[in-house]
Amino acid sequence: MTDPTTIAIEAPKPAFDWKKWTALLGGLAIFLLIYFSPPWGVAIDPGGKEFVLSPEGKAAIGLFMMAGIWWVFEVIPIGVTAIAIGVFQALFMIRPAKEAFRDFMDPSVMFIFGSMVIGMAFTKTGLTKRIAYKMLAVVGENTRIILLGSMVVTALLAHVMAHTAVAATMFPILLAIMALYKDESASGPSNFGKALFIGMAWAAGAGSIITLLGAARGPAAAAMFTEFTGRQVDFFDFPLYMGLIGWGMVFVIWLYLSAVFKPSKATIPGLRQKVGKLAAALGPMTTKEKFVIACVALVVVMMALQSTVPALRGIDRAGLMLTSTLLFFIFSVLKVQDLEEMPWNIILLFSGAMSIGFCLWKTGAAEWMAVNFLTALQGGHWWVFVMGVSAFVLVMTNFIMNVAAIAIALPVSLVMARYLGVAPDVIFFAALVTAGMPFVLLIGAAPNAIAYESKQFTPGEFFKHGLVMSAILLVVLGLALVTIWPLFGMPVLAK
């Protein structure tokens, strides 16, 4: 029998999420509007070659825009948006399902997977805590200096390791630092956490442009440069021309993040003593820790030797990266249960990014966009043209893999440079600067997505501050074009 004095209290109904549904339906509407629109005009390059946009290419542009809106506003989980990219390609016959979904297991995606496994191995063996404690013992208790120290370590590692692997390695180290910081702060996202993880993502990109080892985009672009010019790019040209820009951006990023995400406390009192005790409690390095370091060193050395040992050049970097994954499981550093802890949402995100990138490329949409955009700049000053190329690459690399962005923009730019009297060298390096630093979208680079897994910031926050940092990057590049690079002997105008 119900007690008449008992009053049933109904839980309040959740409010209708207008922002989510506006962005979701708005993105879908843009896709359908473009999909059903009449044929678009022909793009013509300076040589008179015509580029016709196919119906599939037009649909790819619509899907590209829809996915971008859904990702920025996170209307559904970012990994699910990635799945939608494959589904829409199949449903609207933009590409066969076999091709659209095959890209979800592209070697680049498997490279990211292997990088994350390395990060997991560092965590499981305790290496992350050991490295974090040693770094904190050096940089001290000031939160701004801790932020700078983590960014400097990230950028340095990106000189010799792929920036994806660097981010996967640094991620658990930063989590260990955050665990110590939270003892002195409220739980959940914090300004320090936002600066720490966004700074890691951006510093990985800035550090990766300085050598040929930081990412696949450098060797790929160097091969295209040789094909179009007949000249080789010297290994030491990268640190010469990119060093000041890359490291300059690391410090600019640090200053910006320190200002907009000011930590609640300037210092963490007693941190150095606490870190000392925690480091001592870890004891000597274990056999498993040494094994993980040896495996990672083996992978890094093999990748480094690819540029000098002909027998290694044909091996895909994903195969080398996944070698460490096999060794970790064979020698029981990791167990099958550890696979359940993998951030599959992030891996799916990059699977979808790979699929939309290939979709734009193979339907001809990306080339059509590049020709239309760059031909509009052909009557301008050489500086305007180079900055236009750089801006186009910057936009594209935030949506698709940076190797694809370079593959789309660089050939068109090098052909147009001949008509404008611009030296190919300046276009090559300027494009690589912006290709290496996609600050706006999570899908622009693996470090961005890995940093997001910390749950310290939202895609909207990353987007907003990334726009500001992208504008700063273009200013820095614009100044380098007329100061640093000519001073270091880079040709700007063709002889």
Protein backbone atom coordinates (compact mmCIF):
# COMPACT_ATOMS: atom_id res chain seq x y z
CA MET A 1 0.00 0.00 0.00
CA THR A 2 1.37 3.40 -0.99
CA ASP A 3 1.96 5.88 1.79
CA PRO A 4 -0.30 8.87 1.00
CA THR A 5 2.21 11.19 2.65
CA THR A 6 4.87 10.18 0.15
CA ILE A 7 5.21 12.68 -2.68
CA ALA A 8 6.71 11.37 -5.88
CA ILE A 9 9.37 13.68 -7.21
CA GLU A 10 10.01 13.31 -10.92
CA ALA A 11 13.47 13.88 -12.24
CA PRO A 12 13.63 17.02 -14.39
CA LYS A 13 13.53 16.30 -18.10
CA PRO A 14 16.79 17.10 -19.87
CA ALA A 15 16.68 20.33 -21.86
CA PHE A 16 16.66 20.03 -25.63
CA ASP A 17 20.21 20.44 -26.93
CA TRP A 18 19.68 23.14 -29.53
CA LYS A 19 23.40 23.60 -30.19
CA LYS A 20 23.93 19.93 -30.93
CA TRP A 21 20.95 19.56 -33.26
CA THR A 22 21.58 22.87 -35.04
CA ALA A 23 25.16 21.84 -35.83
CA LEU A 24 24.18 18.27 -36.73
CA LEU A 25 21.31 19.22 -39.06
CA GLY A 26 23.19 22.27 -40.36
CA GLY A 27 26.15 20.13 -41.40
CA LEU A 28 23.83 17.59 -43.02
CA ALA A 29 21.97 20.39 -44.85
CA ILE A 30 25.23 21.77 -46.26
CA PHE A 31 26.19 18.32 -47.53
CA LEU A 32 22.81 17.79 -49.22
CA LEU A 33 22.81 21.31 -50.67
CA ILE A 34 26.21 20.73 -52.28
CA TYR A 35 25.38 17.17 -53.31
CA PHE A 36 22.22 18.18 -55.21
CA SER A 37 23.60 21.48 -56.56
CA PRO A 38 24.19 21.91 -60.33
CA PRO A 39 27.68 21.16 -61.72
CA TRP A 40 30.38 23.58 -60.62
CA GLY A 41 32.76 25.47 -62.93
CA VAL A 42 36.01 24.21 -64.43
CA ALA A 43 39.35 25.10 -62.80
CA ILE A 44 42.11 26.17 -65.21
CA ASP A 45 45.80 26.39 -64.29
CA PRO A 46 48.22 28.99 -65.80
CA GLY A 47 49.26 26.47 -68.46
CA GLY A 48 45.68 26.20 -69.71
CA LYS A 49 45.02 22.72 -68.33
CA GLU A 50 41.39 22.21 -67.31
CA PHE A 51 40.24 20.45 -64.14
CA VAL A 52 36.60 19.35 -64.25
CA LEU A 53 34.92 18.69 -60.91
CA SER A 54 33.02 15.39 -61.10
CA PRO A 55 29.73 14.84 -59.23
CA GLU A 56 31.66 12.56 -56.85
CA GLY A 57 34.22 15.31 -56.28
CA LYS A 58 31.49 17.83 -55.53
CA ALA A 59 29.91 15.41 -53.07
CA ALA A 60 33.33 14.87 -51.45
CA ILE A 61 33.60 18.62 -50.79
CA GLY A 62 30.13 18.57 -49.19
CA LEU A 63 31.08 15.60 -46.99
CA PHE A 64 34.35 17.34 -46.10
CA MET A 65 32.43 20.39 -44.85
CA MET A 66 29.82 18.35 -42.97
CA ALA A 67 32.46 16.30 -41.17
CA GLY A 68 34.34 19.46 -40.22
CA ILE A 69 31.22 20.98 -38.62
CA TRP A 70 30.38 17.78 -36.77
CA TRP A 71 33.94 17.46 -35.49
CA VAL A 72 34.25 21.07 -34.30
CA PHE A 73 30.93 21.03 -32.43
CA GLU A 74 31.24 17.35 -31.40
CA VAL A 75 27.56 16.70 -32.12
CA ILE A 76 28.26 12.98 -31.79
CA PRO A 77 31.46 11.27 -30.56
CA ILE A 78 34.33 12.18 -32.89
CA GLY A 79 34.97 8.52 -33.68
CA VAL A 80 31.33 8.09 -34.73
CA THR A 81 31.61 11.09 -37.06
CA ALA A 82 34.54 9.26 -38.62
CA ILE A 83 32.32 6.22 -39.19
CA ALA A 84 29.72 8.53 -40.79
CA ILE A 85 32.34 9.56 -43.36
CA GLY A 86 32.59 5.99 -44.60
CA VAL A 87 28.82 5.45 -44.42
CA PHE A 88 28.01 8.59 -46.47
CA GLN A 89 30.56 7.66 -49.14
CA ALA A 90 28.86 4.29 -49.52
CA LEU A 91 25.22 5.49 -49.29
CA PHE A 92 25.65 8.38 -51.73
CA MET A 93 27.98 6.40 -54.02
CA ILE A 94 30.82 8.89 -53.71
CA ARG A 95 33.25 5.98 -53.58
CA PRO A 96 32.74 2.21 -53.33
CA ALA A 97 32.36 1.02 -49.73
CA LYS A 98 35.36 -1.25 -50.19
CA GLU A 99 37.59 1.77 -50.87
CA ALA A 100 36.00 4.09 -48.31
CA PHE A 101 36.34 1.64 -45.42
CA ARG A 102 39.68 0.21 -46.53
CA ASP A 103 41.22 3.58 -45.67
CA PHE A 104 40.19 2.99 -42.04
CA MET A 105 43.08 0.50 -41.82
CA ASP A 106 45.56 2.56 -43.84
CA PRO A 107 49.22 2.11 -42.77
CA SER A 108 49.16 5.65 -41.35
CA VAL A 109 46.33 4.65 -38.99
CA MET A 110 48.26 1.55 -37.94
CA PHE A 111 51.31 3.75 -37.33
CA ILE A 112 49.21 5.83 -34.92
CA PHE A 113 47.97 2.63 -33.27
CA GLY A 114 51.56 1.41 -32.82
CA SER A 115 52.57 4.78 -31.37
CA MET A 116 49.80 4.56 -28.79
CA VAL A 117 50.87 1.04 -27.85
CA ILE A 118 54.35 2.43 -27.10
CA GLY A 119 52.77 5.01 -24.81
CA MET A 120 50.81 2.26 -23.08
CA ALA A 121 53.98 0.19 -22.60
CA PHE A 122 55.69 3.19 -21.00
CA THR A 123 52.76 3.52 -18.60
CA LYS A 124 52.42 -0.16 -17.71
CA THR A 125 56.10 -0.58 -16.91
CA GLY A 126 56.32 2.63 -14.84
CA LEU A 127 58.67 4.43 -17.23
CA THR A 128 56.28 7.37 -17.54
CA LYS A 129 56.41 8.12 -13.82
CA ARG A 130 60.19 7.72 -13.76
CA ILE A 131 60.64 10.19 -16.65
CA ALA A 132 58.05 12.61 -15.25
CA TYR A 133 59.70 12.66 -11.83
CA LYS A 134 63.15 13.27 -13.30
CA MET A 135 61.84 16.13 -15.46
CA LEU A 136 60.02 17.74 -12.52
CA ALA A 137 63.14 17.42 -10.34
CA VAL A 138 64.97 19.52 -12.96
CA VAL A 139 62.32 22.18 -13.76
CA GLY A 140 61.18 22.68 -10.16
CA GLU A 141 57.86 23.88 -8.72
CA ASN A 142 56.89 26.81 -10.97
CA THR A 143 53.91 25.74 -13.11
CA ARG A 144 54.91 27.97 -16.05
CA ILE A 145 58.39 26.42 -16.09
CA ILE A 146 56.89 22.92 -15.81
CA LEU A 147 54.78 23.74 -18.89
CA LEU A 148 57.84 25.02 -20.76
CA GLY A 149 59.88 21.98 -19.74
CA SER A 150 57.27 19.54 -21.04
CA MET A 151 57.05 21.43 -24.35
CA VAL A 152 60.83 21.55 -24.78
CA VAL A 153 61.14 17.81 -24.14
CA THR A 154 58.32 17.15 -26.64
CA ALA A 155 59.93 19.31 -29.34
CA LEU A 156 63.36 17.75 -28.80
CA LEU A 157 61.98 14.21 -29.11
CA ALA A 158 60.17 15.23 -32.32
CA HIS A 159 63.57 15.93 -33.90
CA VAL A 160 64.44 12.22 -33.85
CA MET A 161 61.06 10.45 -33.53
CA ALA A 162 57.83 10.66 -35.48
CA HIS A 163 55.69 13.29 -33.75
CA THR A 164 52.86 10.75 -33.34
CA ALA A 165 55.14 8.46 -31.34
CA VAL A 166 56.40 11.45 -29.35
CA ALA A 167 52.85 12.47 -28.40
CA ALA A 168 51.97 8.89 -27.42
CA THR A 169 55.11 8.76 -25.27
CA MET A 170 54.58 12.17 -23.63
CA PHE A 171 50.85 11.67 -22.96
CA PRO A 172 51.20 9.32 -19.98
CA ILE A 173 54.10 11.41 -18.65
CA LEU A 174 51.85 14.48 -18.62
CA LEU A 175 49.11 12.44 -16.92
CA ALA A 176 51.61 11.62 -14.18
CA ILE A 177 52.41 15.34 -13.83
CA MET A 178 48.70 16.16 -13.70
CA ALA A 179 48.19 13.59 -10.93
CA LEU A 180 50.70 15.52 -8.80
CA TYR A 181 49.15 18.87 -9.74
CA LYS A 182 45.64 17.74 -8.78
CA ASP A 183 46.81 17.23 -5.20
CA GLU A 184 46.96 21.00 -5.10
CA SER A 185 43.98 21.77 -7.33
CA ALA A 186 40.34 20.89 -7.94
CA SER A 187 39.55 17.70 -9.85
CA GLY A 188 38.46 17.78 -13.48
CA PRO A 189 39.75 20.05 -16.28
CA SER A 190 42.02 22.87 -15.21
CA ASN A 191 43.79 25.73 -16.93
CA PHE A 192 47.10 24.03 -16.24
CA GLY A 193 45.80 20.80 -17.78
CA LYS A 194 44.56 22.63 -20.88
CA ALA A 195 47.90 24.37 -21.37
CA LEU A 196 49.89 21.19 -20.67
CA PHE A 197 48.15 18.96 -23.23
CA ILE A 198 47.46 21.55 -25.93
CA GLY A 199 51.08 22.67 -25.53
CA MET A 200 52.26 19.10 -26.01
CA ALA A 201 50.25 18.72 -29.23
CA TRP A 202 51.41 22.00 -30.72
CA ALA A 203 55.05 21.60 -29.61
CA ALA A 204 55.17 18.14 -31.24
CA GLY A 205 54.22 19.76 -34.55
CA ALA A 206 56.66 22.64 -34.16
CA GLY A 207 59.51 20.28 -33.29
CA SER A 208 58.72 17.87 -36.12
CA ILE A 209 59.38 20.40 -38.92
CA ILE A 210 63.04 20.83 -37.96
CA THR A 211 64.35 17.47 -39.22
CA LEU A 212 63.40 14.84 -41.80
CA LEU A 213 62.77 12.36 -38.97
CA GLY A 214 59.88 14.21 -37.33
CA ALA A 215 57.13 13.11 -39.72
CA ALA A 216 56.53 11.41 -43.05
CA ARG A 217 55.60 14.71 -44.71
CA GLY A 218 59.26 15.80 -44.99
CA PRO A 219 60.60 12.85 -46.99
CA ALA A 220 57.44 12.79 -49.14
CA ALA A 221 57.77 16.49 -49.98
CA ALA A 222 61.51 16.13 -50.63
CA ALA A 223 60.79 13.38 -53.18
CA MET A 224 58.25 15.62 -54.97
CA PHE A 225 60.73 18.52 -54.94
CA THR A 226 63.38 16.35 -56.60
CA GLU A 227 60.88 15.12 -59.19
CA PHE A 228 59.89 18.67 -60.19
CA THR A 229 63.28 20.41 -59.92
CA GLY A 230 65.87 17.67 -60.39
CA ARG A 231 67.62 18.79 -57.20
CA GLN A 232 68.03 16.98 -53.88
CA VAL A 233 67.09 18.56 -50.56
CA ASP A 234 70.02 18.29 -48.17
CA PHE A 235 69.32 16.74 -44.74
CA PHE A 236 70.90 19.75 -43.00
CA ASP A 237 68.77 22.27 -44.93
CA PHE A 238 65.91 21.41 -42.59
CA PRO A 239 67.54 22.48 -39.31
CA LEU A 240 69.12 25.47 -41.08
CA TYR A 241 65.87 26.93 -42.43
CA MET A 242 63.34 25.44 -40.02
CA GLY A 243 65.21 25.54 -36.71
CA LEU A 244 64.53 29.16 -35.77
CA ILE A 245 60.90 28.97 -36.89
CA GLY A 246 60.20 25.68 -35.10
CA TRP A 247 61.82 26.68 -31.82
CA GLY A 248 60.48 30.21 -32.10
CA MET A 249 56.96 28.78 -32.31
CA VAL A 250 57.59 26.56 -29.27
CA PHE A 251 58.30 29.64 -27.15
CA VAL A 252 55.47 31.67 -28.72
CA ILE A 253 53.05 28.82 -27.95
CA TRP A 254 54.33 28.71 -24.37
CA LEU A 255 53.82 32.44 -23.89
CA TYR A 256 50.33 32.31 -25.41
CA LEU A 257 49.13 29.32 -23.38
CA SER A 258 50.63 30.76 -20.19
CA ALA A 259 48.60 33.91 -20.76
CA VAL A 260 45.22 32.45 -21.78
CA PHE A 261 45.32 29.43 -19.45
CA LYS A 262 46.85 30.97 -16.36
CA PRO A 263 47.21 28.23 -13.70
CA SER A 264 45.31 28.68 -10.44
CA LYS A 265 48.63 28.56 -8.57
CA ALA A 266 51.99 29.90 -9.72
CA THR A 267 53.84 27.14 -7.92
CA ILE A 268 53.23 23.71 -6.41
CA PRO A 269 54.90 24.05 -2.99
CA GLY A 270 56.88 21.03 -1.88
CA LEU A 271 56.70 19.39 -5.31
CA ARG A 272 60.44 18.82 -5.62
CA GLN A 273 60.64 17.02 -2.27
CA LYS A 274 57.56 14.97 -3.04
CA VAL A 275 58.92 14.00 -6.45
CA GLY A 276 62.18 12.96 -4.84
CA LYS A 277 60.39 10.60 -2.48
CA LEU A 278 58.23 9.16 -5.27
CA ALA A 279 61.27 8.62 -7.50
CA ALA A 280 63.11 6.85 -4.68
CA ALA A 281 60.08 4.61 -4.08
CA LEU A 282 60.26 3.38 -7.69
CA GLY A 283 63.59 1.73 -7.01
CA PRO A 284 66.06 0.72 -9.73
CA MET A 285 64.95 0.37 -13.33
CA THR A 286 63.29 -3.00 -13.99
CA THR A 287 64.05 -5.45 -16.79
CA LYS A 288 60.73 -4.64 -18.48
CA GLU A 289 61.51 -0.91 -18.46
CA LYS A 290 64.89 -1.56 -20.07
CA PHE A 291 63.23 -3.84 -22.63
CA VAL A 292 60.71 -1.13 -23.61
CA ILE A 293 63.49 1.43 -24.02
CA ALA A 294 65.46 -1.02 -26.18
CA CYS A 295 62.43 -1.75 -28.40
CA VAL A 296 61.67 1.94 -28.92
CA ALA A 297 65.32 2.72 -29.61
CA LEU A 298 65.39 -0.08 -32.19
CA VAL A 299 62.34 1.37 -33.99
CA VAL A 300 63.76 4.92 -33.95
CA VAL A 301 67.15 3.78 -35.28
CA MET A 302 65.51 1.74 -38.06
CA MET A 303 63.43 4.74 -39.12
CA ALA A 304 66.46 7.01 -39.03
CA LEU A 305 68.46 4.56 -41.18
CA GLN A 306 65.74 4.46 -43.86
CA SER A 307 67.13 7.65 -45.40
CA THR A 308 70.63 6.16 -45.76
CA VAL A 309 70.21 2.38 -46.07
CA PRO A 310 68.60 1.42 -49.42
CA ALA A 311 67.40 -1.96 -48.13
CA LEU A 312 65.22 -0.25 -45.51
CA ARG A 313 63.63 2.37 -47.77
CA GLY A 314 60.93 0.07 -49.07
CA ILE A 315 59.67 -0.87 -45.59
CA ASP A 316 56.62 1.12 -44.53
CA ARG A 317 57.08 3.07 -41.28
CA ALA A 318 53.93 1.42 -39.92
CA GLY A 319 55.61 -1.96 -40.21
CA LEU A 320 58.59 -0.72 -38.22
CA MET A 321 56.38 0.89 -35.59
CA LEU A 322 54.26 -2.24 -35.17
CA THR A 323 57.40 -4.31 -34.61
CA SER A 324 57.51 -2.88 -31.10
CA THR A 325 53.83 -3.82 -30.61
CA LEU A 326 54.59 -7.45 -31.46
CA LEU A 327 57.59 -7.54 -29.13
CA PHE A 328 55.61 -6.06 -26.23
CA PHE A 329 52.99 -8.79 -26.47
CA ILE A 330 55.40 -11.64 -27.25
CA PHE A 331 57.47 -10.88 -24.15
CA SER A 332 54.43 -10.17 -21.94
CA VAL A 333 55.09 -6.49 -21.37
CA LEU A 334 51.45 -6.03 -22.38
CA LYS A 335 48.49 -8.42 -22.19
CA VAL A 336 45.39 -8.83 -24.30
CA GLN A 337 43.34 -7.00 -21.65
CA ASP A 338 45.41 -3.90 -22.34
CA LEU A 339 43.86 -3.65 -25.80
CA GLU A 340 40.56 -2.78 -24.12
CA GLU A 341 42.19 0.37 -22.74
CA MET A 342 43.22 1.67 -26.16
CA PRO A 343 41.56 5.01 -27.10
CA TRP A 344 39.55 3.58 -29.98
CA ASN A 345 37.58 6.83 -30.32
CA ILE A 346 40.83 8.57 -31.32
CA ILE A 347 41.92 5.75 -33.62
CA LEU A 348 38.53 5.87 -35.37
CA LEU A 349 38.92 9.65 -35.67
CA PHE A 350 42.07 9.21 -37.71
CA SER A 351 40.55 6.39 -39.71
CA GLY A 352 37.80 8.78 -40.82
CA ALA A 353 40.28 11.58 -41.46
CA MET A 354 42.25 9.23 -43.70
CA SER A 355 39.09 8.22 -45.56
CA ILE A 356 37.92 11.80 -46.25
CA GLY A 357 41.46 12.74 -47.29
CA PHE A 358 41.66 9.97 -49.87
CA CYS A 359 38.09 10.76 -50.93
CA LEU A 360 39.01 14.37 -51.76
CA TRP A 361 42.19 13.25 -53.45
CA LYS A 362 40.88 10.38 -55.58
CA THR A 363 37.71 12.17 -56.73
CA GLY A 364 39.82 15.12 -57.92
CA ALA A 365 38.12 17.53 -55.52
CA ALA A 366 41.33 18.50 -53.71
CA GLU A 367 43.22 19.27 -56.92
CA TRP A 368 40.23 21.27 -58.21
CA MET A 369 40.21 23.35 -55.00
CA ALA A 370 43.97 23.89 -55.12
CA VAL A 371 43.98 25.10 -58.73
CA ASN A 372 41.02 27.44 -58.13
CA PHE A 373 42.59 28.92 -55.02
CA LEU A 374 46.16 29.27 -56.28
CA THR A 375 45.33 30.66 -59.73
CA ALA A 376 43.57 33.53 -57.98
CA LEU A 377 47.00 34.50 -56.59
CA GLN A 378 49.01 34.32 -59.81
CA GLY A 379 48.87 38.04 -60.54
CA GLY A 380 50.14 39.08 -57.12
CA HIS A 381 53.55 39.72 -55.57
CA TRP A 382 55.75 36.64 -54.96
CA TRP A 383 55.30 37.05 -51.18
CA VAL A 384 51.51 37.01 -51.56
CA PHE A 385 51.69 33.87 -53.69
CA VAL A 386 53.95 32.00 -51.25
CA MET A 387 51.81 33.04 -48.29
CA GLY A 388 48.70 31.97 -50.23
CA VAL A 389 50.20 28.52 -50.85
CA SER A 390 51.09 28.27 -47.18
CA ALA A 391 47.61 29.32 -46.07
CA PHE A 392 45.99 26.79 -48.40
CA VAL A 393 48.20 24.00 -47.03
CA LEU A 394 47.41 25.14 -43.48
CA VAL A 395 43.66 24.87 -44.12
CA MET A 396 43.92 21.52 -45.88
CA THR A 397 46.24 19.94 -43.31
CA ASN A 398 43.70 20.63 -40.57
CA PHE A 399 41.22 18.38 -42.37
CA ILE A 400 43.31 15.71 -44.05
CA MET A 401 46.66 14.04 -43.35
CA ASN A 402 49.51 16.50 -43.91
CA VAL A 403 51.22 14.20 -46.41
CA ALA A 404 48.07 14.38 -48.56
CA ALA A 405 47.88 18.17 -48.14
CA ILE A 406 51.47 18.47 -49.37
CA ALA A 407 50.83 16.00 -52.21
CA ILE A 408 47.87 18.11 -53.36
CA ALA A 409 49.29 21.62 -53.02
CA LEU A 410 53.03 21.27 -53.68
CA PRO A 411 52.94 19.96 -57.29
CA VAL A 412 50.40 22.61 -58.35
CA SER A 413 52.40 25.33 -56.57
CA LEU A 414 55.73 24.29 -58.09
CA VAL A 415 54.23 24.32 -61.60
CA MET A 416 52.72 27.78 -61.04
CA ALA A 417 55.99 29.08 -59.55
CA ARG A 418 57.65 28.67 -62.96
CA TYR A 419 55.19 31.13 -64.49
CA LEU A 420 55.62 33.62 -61.63
CA GLY A 421 59.41 33.50 -61.35
CA VAL A 422 59.33 32.23 -57.76
CA ALA A 423 62.10 29.89 -56.58
CA PRO A 424 60.81 26.40 -55.73
CA ASP A 425 62.87 26.31 -52.50
CA VAL A 426 60.83 28.96 -50.73
CA ILE A 427 57.55 27.28 -51.68
CA PHE A 428 58.83 23.90 -50.52
CA PHE A 429 59.87 25.05 -47.05
CA ALA A 430 56.96 27.44 -46.54
CA ALA A 431 54.46 24.68 -47.31
CA LEU A 432 56.20 22.31 -44.89
CA VAL A 433 56.06 24.89 -42.11
CA THR A 434 52.27 25.14 -42.21
CA ALA A 435 51.76 21.44 -42.99
CA GLY A 436 53.56 20.60 -39.76
CA MET A 437 51.49 22.83 -37.49
CA PRO A 438 47.73 22.20 -37.84
CA PHE A 439 46.58 23.97 -34.68
CA VAL A 440 42.82 24.17 -35.34
CA LEU A 441 41.20 20.74 -35.63
CA LEU A 442 41.83 17.52 -33.73
CA ILE A 443 42.07 15.56 -36.98
CA GLY A 444 44.87 17.80 -38.27
CA ALA A 445 47.56 15.70 -36.57
CA ALA A 446 47.74 12.67 -34.33
CA PRO A 447 49.24 14.64 -31.40
CA ASN A 448 46.13 16.84 -31.39
CA ALA A 449 43.82 13.86 -31.03
CA ILE A 450 46.07 12.15 -28.49
CA ALA A 451 46.07 15.32 -26.36
CA TYR A 452 42.25 15.44 -26.54
CA GLU A 453 42.11 12.03 -24.87
CA SER A 454 43.18 13.81 -21.65
CA LYS A 455 39.65 15.34 -21.47
CA GLN A 456 41.21 18.60 -20.34
CA PHE A 457 39.79 20.65 -23.23
CA THR A 458 36.94 20.58 -25.74
CA PRO A 459 37.20 20.56 -29.56
CA GLY A 460 35.67 24.06 -29.48
CA GLU A 461 38.42 25.37 -27.19
CA PHE A 462 41.08 23.78 -29.36
CA PHE A 463 39.47 25.32 -32.46
CA LYS A 464 39.18 28.83 -30.98
CA HIS A 465 42.73 29.07 -29.70
CA GLY A 466 44.05 27.23 -32.74
CA LEU A 467 42.73 29.98 -35.01
CA VAL A 468 44.70 32.56 -33.05
CA MET A 469 47.86 30.45 -33.11
CA SER A 470 47.47 29.77 -36.85
CA ALA A 471 47.32 33.53 -37.50
CA ILE A 472 50.48 33.96 -35.40
CA LEU A 473 52.18 31.16 -37.36
CA LEU A 474 51.42 32.91 -40.66
CA VAL A 475 52.85 36.16 -39.29
CA VAL A 476 56.04 34.39 -38.19
CA LEU A 477 56.35 32.67 -41.58
CA GLY A 478 55.67 35.93 -43.43
CA LEU A 479 58.51 37.62 -41.54
CA ALA A 480 60.86 34.67 -42.15
CA LEU A 481 60.26 34.93 -45.89
CA VAL A 482 61.80 38.40 -46.04
CA THR A 483 64.34 38.21 -43.19
CA ILE A 484 65.69 34.89 -41.89
CA TRP A 485 65.54 32.76 -45.02
CA PRO A 486 67.20 35.22 -47.45
CA LEU A 487 69.82 35.90 -44.77
CA PHE A 488 70.59 32.16 -44.61
CA GLY A 489 70.94 31.99 -48.38
CA MET A 490 67.57 30.59 -49.45
CA PRO A 491 66.71 31.67 -53.03
CA VAL A 492 63.37 33.47 -53.23
CA LEU A 493 63.13 34.40 -56.91
CA ALA A 494 64.03 32.09 -59.78
CA LYS A 495 67.20 32.99 -61.65
